[in-house]
Amino acid sequence: MLIYCVTVYVKSEYREAFIEATLENARNTRKEPGNLRFDVLECTDDPGKFFLYEVYREGKDVDAHKETNHYKK
């Protein structure tokens, strides 16, 4: 099992576009057979700070994820 914990800082002018694209990516990633979890968390005291928590079965599943259109977007 592989777990990715990613902290992202987004400039205020890109916040809404980031949220839209990231939620679309998360929804589609959850449909991938090798994905076990994908959470998108927003910091309550910093509107530009987000935390992504992704869990995959194995490395080949991460590689497959990185080839999808929703990831590349």
Protein backbone atom coordinates (compact mmCIF):
# COMPACT_ATOMS: atom_id res chain seq x y z
CA MET A 1 0.00 0.00 0.00
CA LEU A 2 1.23 3.51 -0.87
CA ILE A 3 0.01 6.65 0.86
CA TYR A 4 0.56 10.16 -0.43
CA CYS A 5 0.05 13.17 1.84
CA VAL A 6 0.32 16.38 -0.14
CA THR A 7 0.05 19.93 1.16
CA VAL A 8 -0.86 22.48 -1.52
CA TYR A 9 -0.79 26.26 -1.20
CA VAL A 10 -3.00 28.03 -3.74
CA LYS A 11 -2.99 31.73 -4.58
CA SER A 12 -6.37 33.34 -3.93
CA GLU A 13 -7.01 34.10 -7.61
CA TYR A 14 -6.69 30.37 -8.49
CA ARG A 15 -8.56 28.96 -5.49
CA GLU A 16 -11.93 28.25 -7.14
CA ALA A 17 -10.34 26.71 -10.26
CA PHE A 18 -8.09 24.57 -8.06
CA ILE A 19 -11.02 23.31 -5.99
CA GLU A 20 -13.05 22.44 -9.10
CA ALA A 21 -10.19 20.60 -10.82
CA THR A 22 -9.07 18.81 -7.64
CA LEU A 23 -12.55 17.59 -6.74
CA GLU A 24 -13.03 16.32 -10.30
CA ASN A 25 -9.69 14.52 -10.06
CA ALA A 26 -10.63 13.01 -6.69
CA ARG A 27 -14.05 11.79 -7.91
CA ASN A 28 -12.51 10.10 -10.93
CA THR A 29 -9.53 8.73 -9.04
CA ARG A 30 -11.85 7.00 -6.56
CA LYS A 31 -13.23 5.01 -9.53
CA GLU A 32 -9.79 3.61 -10.39
CA PRO A 33 -9.40 -0.05 -9.35
CA GLY A 34 -6.08 0.55 -7.57
CA ASN A 35 -7.20 3.56 -5.56
CA LEU A 36 -8.35 2.92 -2.01
CA ARG A 37 -8.94 6.51 -0.88
CA PHE A 38 -8.65 10.11 -2.04
CA ASP A 39 -9.55 12.89 0.40
CA VAL A 40 -9.42 16.62 -0.30
CA LEU A 41 -9.21 18.68 2.87
CA GLU A 42 -9.32 22.46 3.20
CA CYS A 43 -7.58 24.27 6.05
CA THR A 44 -10.09 26.12 8.21
CA ASP A 45 -7.76 28.98 9.15
CA ASP A 46 -5.97 29.43 5.79
CA PRO A 47 -8.22 29.55 2.70
CA GLY A 48 -5.27 28.90 0.40
CA LYS A 49 -4.01 25.73 2.10
CA PHE A 50 -5.24 22.26 1.12
CA PHE A 51 -4.27 18.73 2.07
CA LEU A 52 -4.64 15.75 -0.28
CA TYR A 53 -4.60 12.24 1.18
CA GLU A 54 -4.32 9.47 -1.43
CA VAL A 55 -4.04 5.71 -0.89
CA TYR A 56 -3.19 3.17 -3.61
CA ARG A 57 -2.76 -0.59 -3.54
CA GLU A 58 0.68 -0.57 -5.16
CA GLY A 59 3.11 1.40 -7.30
CA LYS A 60 1.65 0.29 -10.63
CA ASP A 61 -1.68 1.82 -9.57
CA VAL A 62 0.00 5.19 -8.98
CA ASP A 63 1.66 4.93 -12.39
CA ALA A 64 -1.70 4.17 -14.03
CA HIS A 65 -3.29 7.09 -12.18
CA LYS A 66 -0.66 9.48 -13.52
CA GLU A 67 -1.62 8.50 -17.09
CA THR A 68 -5.31 9.44 -16.70
CA ASN A 69 -6.81 12.59 -18.19
CA HIS A 70 -8.22 13.73 -14.85
CA TYR A 71 -4.74 13.61 -13.28
CA LYS A 72 -3.14 15.48 -16.16
CA LYS A 73 -5.78 18.19 -16.04
